[in-house]
Amino acid sequence: MTLLPDLAIQQQLSQQLAAQLHQQAPITAQIAQRFGKARESYVGAARLQQQVALNALTLLPSTSQGHLVDLGCGPGWLHPKFTEYCQQLTAIDLSQDMLAKAAELALAKEYLQADAAHLPLADNSVDKVFSSLMLQWCPKPSQVLSEMERVLANNGQFVISTLVQGSLDELRHAFATLDNENHVNEFLPAEQLMKLCQQIPGINWQFVQRSYPLYYPDVISLARELKALGANQVVGKKRLGLTGKQYWQQLAQAYEQHRTAIGLKASYQVLFIYGKKLGPTNEPEHEL
């Protein structure tokens, strides 16, 4: 697809794909809608996302050659840096609104609205895949990983970062003192994700886990940041509506045990998944 002005992209960004998304599972549609609403506020609130993406980028060889796919591109704030990593950039996101925001930079050759579990790309057609903090929102992560393997060319390289179990545990525990509702998204254990990866043959898998602490003046500031990111609602759960002032006061009191000298701590656990698709020249040898 050739580059088009932002308005034209909003009107033409694959009406057929938009219709397909409308027919998808409610969870997928909910995710697309939620992040679409955050297209203007996302970058200003994306402290964690920017730290993680920049760290993930160091795991990708810096050669300005080949075709790179930014899977779950969001508003495209990282696209200027990709000029050092590829000759051709394809931006893919579930949200048409996020794609339209990314297209304002006009740095990708194509902007494709698609589910990461069903990529509209040919087999062995991509040299590099980059995806940062997208996989945790996918209902079927194993299918996303398989799709990545399918579209990567032999010797193609990839970097994926994702939130894993232990993220936002301070907030989760504070809510648990008030009721039995699930107010914080559940993330898969790192060990489970690594096992899913290793079930997919033909890939040299590597893993690194890292903790990212962020600090806030109060719990309301944390909640506002999550809302600005589009990450303030539990996936698959209907919004219950606003809670009362007393509830938030009780939540703030419960969270105080995590206060440090620089503010209330919120911890994120991130798993970096990276490596290379094995080709005919680097497949493991088997003894006869």
C-alpha atoms as a PDB file:
ATOM      1  CA  MET A   1       0.000   0.000   0.000  1.00  0.00           C
ATOM      2  CA  THR A   2       1.413   3.372  -0.933  1.00  0.00           C
ATOM      3  CA  LEU A   3       1.548   6.126   1.645  1.00  0.00           C
ATOM      4  CA  LEU A   4      -1.608   8.195   1.867  1.00  0.00           C
ATOM      5  CA  PRO A   5      -2.516  11.351   3.758  1.00  0.00           C
ATOM      6  CA  ASP A   6      -3.827  10.726   7.270  1.00  0.00           C
ATOM      7  CA  LEU A   7      -7.442  11.487   6.366  1.00  0.00           C
ATOM      8  CA  ALA A   8      -7.357   9.130   3.413  1.00  0.00           C
ATOM      9  CA  ILE A   9      -5.831   6.418   5.589  1.00  0.00           C
ATOM     10  CA  GLN A  10      -8.648   6.756   8.112  1.00  0.00           C
ATOM     11  CA  GLN A  11     -11.161   6.356   5.300  1.00  0.00           C
ATOM     12  CA  GLN A  12      -9.396   3.655   3.290  1.00  0.00           C
ATOM     13  CA  LEU A  13      -7.397   1.652   5.884  1.00  0.00           C
ATOM     14  CA  SER A  14      -8.640  -1.664   4.701  1.00  0.00           C
ATOM     15  CA  GLN A  15     -12.428  -1.623   4.974  1.00  0.00           C
ATOM     16  CA  GLN A  16     -12.383  -5.355   4.492  1.00  0.00           C
ATOM     17  CA  LEU A  17     -10.039  -5.858   7.455  1.00  0.00           C
ATOM     18  CA  ALA A  18     -12.140  -3.499   9.550  1.00  0.00           C
ATOM     19  CA  ALA A  19     -15.191  -5.632   8.786  1.00  0.00           C
ATOM     20  CA  GLN A  20     -13.276  -8.748   9.793  1.00  0.00           C
ATOM     21  CA  LEU A  21     -12.247  -7.162  13.090  1.00  0.00           C
ATOM     22  CA  HIS A  22     -15.877  -6.265  13.765  1.00  0.00           C
ATOM     23  CA  GLN A  23     -16.754  -9.941  13.456  1.00  0.00           C
ATOM     24  CA  GLN A  24     -13.925 -11.127  15.712  1.00  0.00           C
ATOM     25  CA  ALA A  25     -14.252 -12.323  19.284  1.00  0.00           C
ATOM     26  CA  PRO A  26     -15.549  -9.654  21.695  1.00  0.00           C
ATOM     27  CA  ILE A  27     -12.257  -9.631  23.616  1.00  0.00           C
ATOM     28  CA  THR A  28     -10.253  -8.696  20.515  1.00  0.00           C
ATOM     29  CA  ALA A  29     -12.736  -5.990  19.548  1.00  0.00           C
ATOM     30  CA  GLN A  30     -12.641  -4.613  23.109  1.00  0.00           C
ATOM     31  CA  ILE A  31      -8.855  -4.355  23.019  1.00  0.00           C
ATOM     32  CA  ALA A  32      -8.860  -2.554  19.668  1.00  0.00           C
ATOM     33  CA  GLN A  33     -11.486  -0.068  20.826  1.00  0.00           C
ATOM     34  CA  ARG A  34      -9.797   0.630  24.137  1.00  0.00           C
ATOM     35  CA  PHE A  35      -6.378   1.378  22.671  1.00  0.00           C
ATOM     36  CA  GLY A  36      -7.927   3.332  19.804  1.00  0.00           C
ATOM     37  CA  LYS A  37      -9.426   5.748  22.304  1.00  0.00           C
ATOM     38  CA  ALA A  38      -5.946   6.316  23.745  1.00  0.00           C
ATOM     39  CA  ARG A  39      -4.334   7.338  20.436  1.00  0.00           C
ATOM     40  CA  GLU A  40      -3.788  10.961  21.519  1.00  0.00           C
ATOM     41  CA  SER A  41      -2.895  10.388  25.179  1.00  0.00           C
ATOM     42  CA  TYR A  42      -0.731   7.277  24.784  1.00  0.00           C
ATOM     43  CA  VAL A  43       2.727   8.733  24.100  1.00  0.00           C
ATOM     44  CA  GLY A  44       2.589  11.208  26.978  1.00  0.00           C
ATOM     45  CA  ALA A  45       1.807   8.406  29.436  1.00  0.00           C
ATOM     46  CA  ALA A  46       4.069   5.711  27.966  1.00  0.00           C
ATOM     47  CA  ARG A  47       6.977   5.862  30.410  1.00  0.00           C
ATOM     48  CA  LEU A  48       7.253   2.103  30.758  1.00  0.00           C
ATOM     49  CA  GLN A  49       6.521   1.449  27.085  1.00  0.00           C
ATOM     50  CA  GLN A  50       9.319   3.752  25.954  1.00  0.00           C
ATOM     51  CA  GLN A  51      11.878   2.286  28.362  1.00  0.00           C
ATOM     52  CA  VAL A  52      11.029  -1.279  27.367  1.00  0.00           C
ATOM     53  CA  ALA A  53      10.933  -0.612  23.612  1.00  0.00           C
ATOM     54  CA  LEU A  54      14.315   1.095  23.647  1.00  0.00           C
ATOM     55  CA  ASN A  55      15.799  -1.773  25.641  1.00  0.00           C
ATOM     56  CA  ALA A  56      14.232  -4.291  23.247  1.00  0.00           C
ATOM     57  CA  LEU A  57      15.722  -2.473  20.274  1.00  0.00           C
ATOM     58  CA  THR A  58      19.247  -3.128  21.589  1.00  0.00           C
ATOM     59  CA  LEU A  59      18.591  -6.859  21.072  1.00  0.00           C
ATOM     60  CA  LEU A  60      17.998  -6.368  17.340  1.00  0.00           C
ATOM     61  CA  PRO A  61      21.055  -6.112  15.058  1.00  0.00           C
ATOM     62  CA  SER A  62      21.488  -2.534  13.841  1.00  0.00           C
ATOM     63  CA  THR A  63      21.730  -3.006  10.103  1.00  0.00           C
ATOM     64  CA  SER A  64      19.730  -0.724   7.823  1.00  0.00           C
ATOM     65  CA  GLN A  65      18.740  -3.537   5.483  1.00  0.00           C
ATOM     66  CA  GLY A  66      15.742  -5.758   4.843  1.00  0.00           C
ATOM     67  CA  HIS A  67      12.042  -5.653   5.640  1.00  0.00           C
ATOM     68  CA  LEU A  68      11.014  -5.030   9.269  1.00  0.00           C
ATOM     69  CA  VAL A  69       7.519  -5.455  10.720  1.00  0.00           C
ATOM     70  CA  ASP A  70       6.504  -3.429  13.777  1.00  0.00           C
ATOM     71  CA  LEU A  71       3.837  -5.690  15.244  1.00  0.00           C
ATOM     72  CA  GLY A  72       1.501  -3.752  17.517  1.00  0.00           C
ATOM     73  CA  CYS A  73       2.971  -0.437  16.406  1.00  0.00           C
ATOM     74  CA  GLY A  74       0.635   1.784  18.432  1.00  0.00           C
ATOM     75  CA  PRO A  75       1.053   5.499  17.555  1.00  0.00           C
ATOM     76  CA  GLY A  76       4.401   4.817  15.888  1.00  0.00           C
ATOM     77  CA  TRP A  77       6.586   6.915  18.181  1.00  0.00           C
ATOM     78  CA  LEU A  78       9.510   4.499  17.671  1.00  0.00           C
ATOM     79  CA  HIS A  79       9.410   4.568  13.855  1.00  0.00           C
ATOM     80  CA  PRO A  80      12.120   7.242  13.386  1.00  0.00           C
ATOM     81  CA  LYS A  81      14.621   4.872  15.011  1.00  0.00           C
ATOM     82  CA  PHE A  82      13.763   2.013  12.658  1.00  0.00           C
ATOM     83  CA  THR A  83      15.595   3.770   9.817  1.00  0.00           C
ATOM     84  CA  GLU A  84      18.754   2.294  11.371  1.00  0.00           C
ATOM     85  CA  TYR A  85      17.322  -1.232  11.315  1.00  0.00           C
ATOM     86  CA  CYS A  86      15.673  -1.731   7.922  1.00  0.00           C
ATOM     87  CA  GLN A  87      15.119  -0.490   4.385  1.00  0.00           C
ATOM     88  CA  GLN A  88      11.379  -1.199   4.419  1.00  0.00           C
ATOM     89  CA  LEU A  89       9.016  -0.819   7.368  1.00  0.00           C
ATOM     90  CA  THR A  90       5.533  -2.309   7.713  1.00  0.00           C
ATOM     91  CA  ALA A  91       3.391  -1.122  10.635  1.00  0.00           C
ATOM     92  CA  ILE A  92       0.668  -3.442  11.935  1.00  0.00           C
ATOM     93  CA  ASP A  93      -1.844  -2.780  14.683  1.00  0.00           C
ATOM     94  CA  LEU A  94      -5.246  -4.051  15.745  1.00  0.00           C
ATOM     95  CA  SER A  95      -6.503  -0.474  16.159  1.00  0.00           C
ATOM     96  CA  GLN A  96      -7.271   1.595  13.082  1.00  0.00           C
ATOM     97  CA  ASP A  97      -7.081   4.753  15.209  1.00  0.00           C
ATOM     98  CA  MET A  98      -3.547   3.894  16.342  1.00  0.00           C
ATOM     99  CA  LEU A  99      -2.533   3.187  12.746  1.00  0.00           C
ATOM    100  CA  ALA A 100      -3.876   6.547  11.625  1.00  0.00           C
ATOM    101  CA  LYS A 101      -1.824   8.236  14.343  1.00  0.00           C
ATOM    102  CA  ALA A 102       1.310   6.316  13.309  1.00  0.00           C
ATOM    103  CA  ALA A 103       0.685   7.203   9.646  1.00  0.00           C
ATOM    104  CA  GLU A 104       1.063  10.897  10.458  1.00  0.00           C
ATOM    105  CA  LEU A 105       4.835  10.246  10.531  1.00  0.00           C
ATOM    106  CA  ALA A 106       4.677   8.618   7.076  1.00  0.00           C
ATOM    107  CA  LEU A 107       7.720   6.441   7.780  1.00  0.00           C
ATOM    108  CA  ALA A 108       6.283   3.014   6.967  1.00  0.00           C
ATOM    109  CA  LYS A 109       5.645   1.702   3.481  1.00  0.00           C
ATOM    110  CA  GLU A 110       2.474  -0.041   4.628  1.00  0.00           C
ATOM    111  CA  TYR A 111       0.031   0.457   7.506  1.00  0.00           C
ATOM    112  CA  LEU A 112      -1.989  -2.718   8.008  1.00  0.00           C
ATOM    113  CA  GLN A 113      -4.883  -3.221  10.391  1.00  0.00           C
ATOM    114  CA  ALA A 114      -4.738  -6.844  11.460  1.00  0.00           C
ATOM    115  CA  ASP A 115      -4.862  -9.321  14.315  1.00  0.00           C
ATOM    116  CA  ALA A 116      -1.352 -10.476  15.233  1.00  0.00           C
ATOM    117  CA  ALA A 117      -2.668 -14.049  15.242  1.00  0.00           C
ATOM    118  CA  HIS A 118      -3.691 -13.733  11.558  1.00  0.00           C
ATOM    119  CA  LEU A 119      -1.061 -11.671   9.757  1.00  0.00           C
ATOM    120  CA  PRO A 120      -1.820 -10.587   6.164  1.00  0.00           C
ATOM    121  CA  LEU A 121       1.747 -11.380   5.099  1.00  0.00           C
ATOM    122  CA  ALA A 122       3.202 -14.105   2.897  1.00  0.00           C
ATOM    123  CA  ASP A 123       5.324 -16.950   4.261  1.00  0.00           C
ATOM    124  CA  ASN A 124       9.041 -16.177   4.618  1.00  0.00           C
ATOM    125  CA  SER A 125       8.504 -12.558   3.539  1.00  0.00           C
ATOM    126  CA  VAL A 126       9.977 -10.601   6.478  1.00  0.00           C
ATOM    127  CA  ASP A 127      13.569 -10.164   7.646  1.00  0.00           C
ATOM    128  CA  LYS A 128      12.882  -8.753  11.114  1.00  0.00           C
ATOM    129  CA  VAL A 129       9.935  -8.649  13.520  1.00  0.00           C
ATOM    130  CA  PHE A 130       9.789  -6.165  16.387  1.00  0.00           C
ATOM    131  CA  SER A 131       6.970  -6.203  18.913  1.00  0.00           C
ATOM    132  CA  SER A 132       7.012  -4.422  22.267  1.00  0.00           C
ATOM    133  CA  LEU A 133       4.423  -4.886  25.021  1.00  0.00           C
ATOM    134  CA  MET A 134       1.756  -6.195  22.675  1.00  0.00           C
ATOM    135  CA  LEU A 135       1.787  -9.967  23.235  1.00  0.00           C
ATOM    136  CA  GLN A 136       0.217  -9.791  26.715  1.00  0.00           C
ATOM    137  CA  TRP A 137      -3.008  -8.464  25.163  1.00  0.00           C
ATOM    138  CA  CYS A 138      -3.339 -11.396  22.747  1.00  0.00           C
ATOM    139  CA  PRO A 139      -5.850 -14.109  23.753  1.00  0.00           C
ATOM    140  CA  LYS A 140      -3.778 -16.755  21.923  1.00  0.00           C
ATOM    141  CA  PRO A 141      -0.075 -15.903  22.305  1.00  0.00           C
ATOM    142  CA  SER A 142       1.044 -19.256  20.887  1.00  0.00           C
ATOM    143  CA  GLN A 143      -0.770 -18.461  17.636  1.00  0.00           C
ATOM    144  CA  VAL A 144       0.934 -15.065  17.450  1.00  0.00           C
ATOM    145  CA  LEU A 145       4.333 -16.689  17.936  1.00  0.00           C
ATOM    146  CA  SER A 146       3.552 -19.251  15.228  1.00  0.00           C
ATOM    147  CA  GLU A 147       2.545 -16.470  12.841  1.00  0.00           C
ATOM    148  CA  MET A 148       5.807 -14.683  13.512  1.00  0.00           C
ATOM    149  CA  GLU A 149       7.706 -17.874  12.650  1.00  0.00           C
ATOM    150  CA  ARG A 150       5.658 -18.292   9.468  1.00  0.00           C
ATOM    151  CA  VAL A 151       6.307 -14.825   8.039  1.00  0.00           C
ATOM    152  CA  LEU A 152       9.998 -14.665   8.994  1.00  0.00           C
ATOM    153  CA  ALA A 153      12.459 -15.586   6.270  1.00  0.00           C
ATOM    154  CA  ASN A 154      15.237 -18.066   7.031  1.00  0.00           C
ATOM    155  CA  ASN A 155      17.815 -16.383   9.277  1.00  0.00           C
ATOM    156  CA  GLY A 156      15.258 -13.668  10.030  1.00  0.00           C
ATOM    157  CA  GLN A 157      15.558 -12.089  13.470  1.00  0.00           C
ATOM    158  CA  PHE A 158      12.993 -10.954  16.006  1.00  0.00           C
ATOM    159  CA  VAL A 159      12.526  -9.237  19.358  1.00  0.00           C
ATOM    160  CA  ILE A 160       9.345  -9.440  21.412  1.00  0.00           C
ATOM    161  CA  SER A 161       8.753  -7.930  24.839  1.00  0.00           C
ATOM    162  CA  THR A 162       5.741  -8.761  26.972  1.00  0.00           C
ATOM    163  CA  LEU A 163       4.448  -8.276  30.492  1.00  0.00           C
ATOM    164  CA  VAL A 164       4.457 -11.409  32.633  1.00  0.00           C
ATOM    165  CA  GLN A 165       3.168 -12.545  36.004  1.00  0.00           C
ATOM    166  CA  GLY A 166       4.179 -10.231  38.839  1.00  0.00           C
ATOM    167  CA  SER A 167       3.328  -7.023  36.977  1.00  0.00           C
ATOM    168  CA  LEU A 168       1.274  -4.530  39.010  1.00  0.00           C
ATOM    169  CA  ASP A 169       1.209  -6.891  42.001  1.00  0.00           C
ATOM    170  CA  GLU A 170       1.213  -3.937  44.418  1.00  0.00           C
ATOM    171  CA  LEU A 171      -2.020  -2.635  42.882  1.00  0.00           C
ATOM    172  CA  ARG A 172      -3.498  -6.131  42.752  1.00  0.00           C
ATOM    173  CA  HIS A 173      -2.819  -6.718  46.442  1.00  0.00           C
ATOM    174  CA  ALA A 174      -4.270  -3.339  47.420  1.00  0.00           C
ATOM    175  CA  PHE A 175      -7.514  -4.105  45.575  1.00  0.00           C
ATOM    176  CA  ALA A 176      -7.636  -7.558  47.207  1.00  0.00           C
ATOM    177  CA  THR A 177      -7.959  -5.936  50.633  1.00  0.00           C
ATOM    178  CA  LEU A 178     -11.231  -4.310  49.512  1.00  0.00           C
ATOM    179  CA  ASP A 179     -13.131  -6.994  47.575  1.00  0.00           C
ATOM    180  CA  ASN A 180     -12.815 -10.221  45.604  1.00  0.00           C
ATOM    181  CA  GLU A 181     -13.212  -8.626  42.162  1.00  0.00           C
ATOM    182  CA  ASN A 182     -10.437  -8.872  39.587  1.00  0.00           C
ATOM    183  CA  HIS A 183      -9.391  -5.254  38.986  1.00  0.00           C
ATOM    184  CA  VAL A 184      -5.966  -5.890  37.430  1.00  0.00           C
ATOM    185  CA  ASN A 185      -5.149  -7.874  34.300  1.00  0.00           C
ATOM    186  CA  GLU A 186      -3.641 -11.318  34.821  1.00  0.00           C
ATOM    187  CA  PHE A 187      -0.400 -11.979  32.959  1.00  0.00           C
ATOM    188  CA  LEU A 188       1.050 -15.363  32.058  1.00  0.00           C
ATOM    189  CA  PRO A 189       4.022 -16.707  34.043  1.00  0.00           C
ATOM    190  CA  ALA A 190       7.314 -16.281  32.203  1.00  0.00           C
ATOM    191  CA  GLU A 191       7.930 -20.040  32.395  1.00  0.00           C
ATOM    192  CA  GLN A 192       4.653 -20.759  30.613  1.00  0.00           C
ATOM    193  CA  LEU A 193       5.465 -18.345  27.793  1.00  0.00           C
ATOM    194  CA  MET A 194       8.926 -19.832  27.363  1.00  0.00           C
ATOM    195  CA  LYS A 195       7.421 -23.310  27.065  1.00  0.00           C
ATOM    196  CA  LEU A 196       4.987 -22.051  24.421  1.00  0.00           C
ATOM    197  CA  CYS A 197       7.909 -20.659  22.449  1.00  0.00           C
ATOM    198  CA  GLN A 198       9.940 -23.837  22.667  1.00  0.00           C
ATOM    199  CA  GLN A 199       7.055 -25.848  21.226  1.00  0.00           C
ATOM    200  CA  ILE A 200       7.566 -23.981  17.936  1.00  0.00           C
ATOM    201  CA  PRO A 201      10.426 -25.619  15.992  1.00  0.00           C
ATOM    202  CA  GLY A 202      12.919 -23.946  13.713  1.00  0.00           C
ATOM    203  CA  ILE A 203      13.679 -21.002  16.011  1.00  0.00           C
ATOM    204  CA  ASN A 204      16.720 -20.256  18.136  1.00  0.00           C
ATOM    205  CA  TRP A 205      14.864 -18.904  21.184  1.00  0.00           C
ATOM    206  CA  GLN A 206      16.520 -16.687  23.794  1.00  0.00           C
ATOM    207  CA  PHE A 207      14.958 -15.137  26.892  1.00  0.00           C
ATOM    208  CA  VAL A 208      15.761 -12.370  29.353  1.00  0.00           C
ATOM    209  CA  GLN A 209      13.498 -11.158  32.170  1.00  0.00           C
ATOM    210  CA  ARG A 210      13.793  -7.729  33.724  1.00  0.00           C
ATOM    211  CA  SER A 211      11.922  -5.781  36.395  1.00  0.00           C
ATOM    212  CA  TYR A 212      10.851  -2.160  35.829  1.00  0.00           C
ATOM    213  CA  PRO A 213       9.758  -0.160  38.895  1.00  0.00           C
ATOM    214  CA  LEU A 214       7.801   3.049  38.350  1.00  0.00           C
ATOM    215  CA  TYR A 215       6.855   5.564  41.031  1.00  0.00           C
ATOM    216  CA  TYR A 216       3.768   7.728  41.553  1.00  0.00           C
ATOM    217  CA  PRO A 217       2.738  10.441  44.035  1.00  0.00           C
ATOM    218  CA  ASP A 218      -0.539   8.601  44.708  1.00  0.00           C
ATOM    219  CA  VAL A 219      -2.704   5.748  43.484  1.00  0.00           C
ATOM    220  CA  ILE A 220      -4.919   8.131  41.489  1.00  0.00           C
ATOM    221  CA  SER A 221      -1.897   9.124  39.390  1.00  0.00           C
ATOM    222  CA  LEU A 222      -1.246   5.455  38.624  1.00  0.00           C
ATOM    223  CA  ALA A 223      -4.888   4.913  37.652  1.00  0.00           C
ATOM    224  CA  ARG A 224      -4.855   7.980  35.380  1.00  0.00           C
ATOM    225  CA  GLU A 225      -1.701   6.787  33.621  1.00  0.00           C
ATOM    226  CA  LEU A 226      -3.235   3.367  32.967  1.00  0.00           C
ATOM    227  CA  LYS A 227      -6.331   5.058  31.533  1.00  0.00           C
ATOM    228  CA  ALA A 228      -4.260   7.315  29.273  1.00  0.00           C
ATOM    229  CA  LEU A 229      -2.558   4.177  27.928  1.00  0.00           C
ATOM    230  CA  GLY A 230      -5.836   2.370  27.319  1.00  0.00           C
ATOM    231  CA  ALA A 231      -4.763  -0.274  29.858  1.00  0.00           C
ATOM    232  CA  ASN A 232      -7.194   0.512  32.658  1.00  0.00           C
ATOM    233  CA  GLN A 233      -9.738  -2.234  32.039  1.00  0.00           C
ATOM    234  CA  VAL A 234      -9.428  -5.960  32.669  1.00  0.00           C
ATOM    235  CA  VAL A 235      -9.510  -7.810  29.356  1.00  0.00           C
ATOM    236  CA  GLY A 236     -12.802  -9.600  28.802  1.00  0.00           C
ATOM    237  CA  LYS A 237     -14.508  -7.922  31.742  1.00  0.00           C
ATOM    238  CA  LYS A 238     -17.347  -5.430  31.464  1.00  0.00           C
ATOM    239  CA  ARG A 239     -16.735  -2.056  33.045  1.00  0.00           C
ATOM    240  CA  LEU A 240     -18.462  -1.874  36.421  1.00  0.00           C
ATOM    241  CA  GLY A 241     -18.684   1.887  36.470  1.00  0.00           C
ATOM    242  CA  LEU A 242     -17.057   4.415  38.769  1.00  0.00           C
ATOM    243  CA  THR A 243     -16.451   3.489  42.382  1.00  0.00           C
ATOM    244  CA  GLY A 244     -17.137   5.938  45.165  1.00  0.00           C
ATOM    245  CA  LYS A 245     -14.806   8.363  46.859  1.00  0.00           C
ATOM    246  CA  GLN A 246     -14.656   6.205  49.985  1.00  0.00           C
ATOM    247  CA  TYR A 247     -13.558   3.198  47.932  1.00  0.00           C
ATOM    248  CA  TRP A 248     -10.651   5.115  46.399  1.00  0.00           C
ATOM    249  CA  GLN A 249      -9.646   6.424  49.812  1.00  0.00           C
ATOM    250  CA  GLN A 250      -9.548   2.858  51.124  1.00  0.00           C
ATOM    251  CA  LEU A 251      -7.546   1.749  48.103  1.00  0.00           C
ATOM    252  CA  ALA A 252      -5.065   4.577  48.629  1.00  0.00           C
ATOM    253  CA  GLN A 253      -4.689   3.593  52.267  1.00  0.00           C
ATOM    254  CA  ALA A 254      -4.086  -0.061  51.353  1.00  0.00           C
ATOM    255  CA  TYR A 255      -1.444   0.949  48.793  1.00  0.00           C
ATOM    256  CA  GLU A 256       0.514   3.075  51.287  1.00  0.00           C
ATOM    257  CA  GLN A 257       2.555   0.071  52.422  1.00  0.00           C
ATOM    258  CA  HIS A 258       4.350   0.289  49.061  1.00  0.00           C
ATOM    259  CA  ARG A 259       5.376   3.924  49.455  1.00  0.00           C
ATOM    260  CA  THR A 260       9.079   4.677  49.170  1.00  0.00           C
ATOM    261  CA  ALA A 261      11.095   7.864  49.522  1.00  0.00           C
ATOM    262  CA  ILE A 262      10.395   8.624  45.832  1.00  0.00           C
ATOM    263  CA  GLY A 263       6.732   7.652  45.731  1.00  0.00           C
ATOM    264  CA  LEU A 264       4.350   4.719  45.471  1.00  0.00           C
ATOM    265  CA  LYS A 265       5.996   1.811  43.708  1.00  0.00           C
ATOM    266  CA  ALA A 266       4.365  -0.078  40.826  1.00  0.00           C
ATOM    267  CA  SER A 267       6.399  -3.011  39.521  1.00  0.00           C
ATOM    268  CA  TYR A 268       6.334  -4.416  35.999  1.00  0.00           C
ATOM    269  CA  GLN A 269       7.919  -7.732  35.041  1.00  0.00           C
ATOM    270  CA  VAL A 270       8.974  -7.879  31.390  1.00  0.00           C
ATOM    271  CA  LEU A 271      10.090 -10.927  29.420  1.00  0.00           C
ATOM    272  CA  PHE A 272      12.220 -10.271  26.338  1.00  0.00           C
ATOM    273  CA  ILE A 273      11.921 -13.020  23.721  1.00  0.00           C
ATOM    274  CA  TYR A 274      14.419 -12.788  20.889  1.00  0.00           C
ATOM    275  CA  GLY A 275      16.417 -14.857  18.448  1.00  0.00           C
ATOM    276  CA  LYS A 276      16.610 -16.090  14.876  1.00  0.00           C
ATOM    277  CA  LYS A 277      14.684 -18.346  12.523  1.00  0.00           C
ATOM    278  CA  LEU A 278      16.960 -21.211  11.570  1.00  0.00           C
ATOM    279  CA  GLY A 279      17.800 -21.647   7.903  1.00  0.00           C
ATOM    280  CA  PRO A 280      19.271 -24.541   5.916  1.00  0.00           C
ATOM    281  CA  THR A 281      22.818 -23.469   6.807  1.00  0.00           C
ATOM    282  CA  ASN A 282      22.316 -23.186  10.572  1.00  0.00           C
ATOM    283  CA  GLU A 283      19.940 -26.000  11.457  1.00  0.00           C
ATOM    284  CA  PRO A 284      21.208 -28.202  14.280  1.00  0.00           C
ATOM    285  CA  GLU A 285      23.080 -31.260  13.076  1.00  0.00           C
ATOM    286  CA  HIS A 286      21.797 -34.712  14.017  1.00  0.00           C
ATOM    287  CA  GLU A 287      24.050 -37.688  14.505  1.00  0.00           C
ATOM    288  CA  LEU A 288      23.301 -40.739  12.341  1.00  0.00           C
END
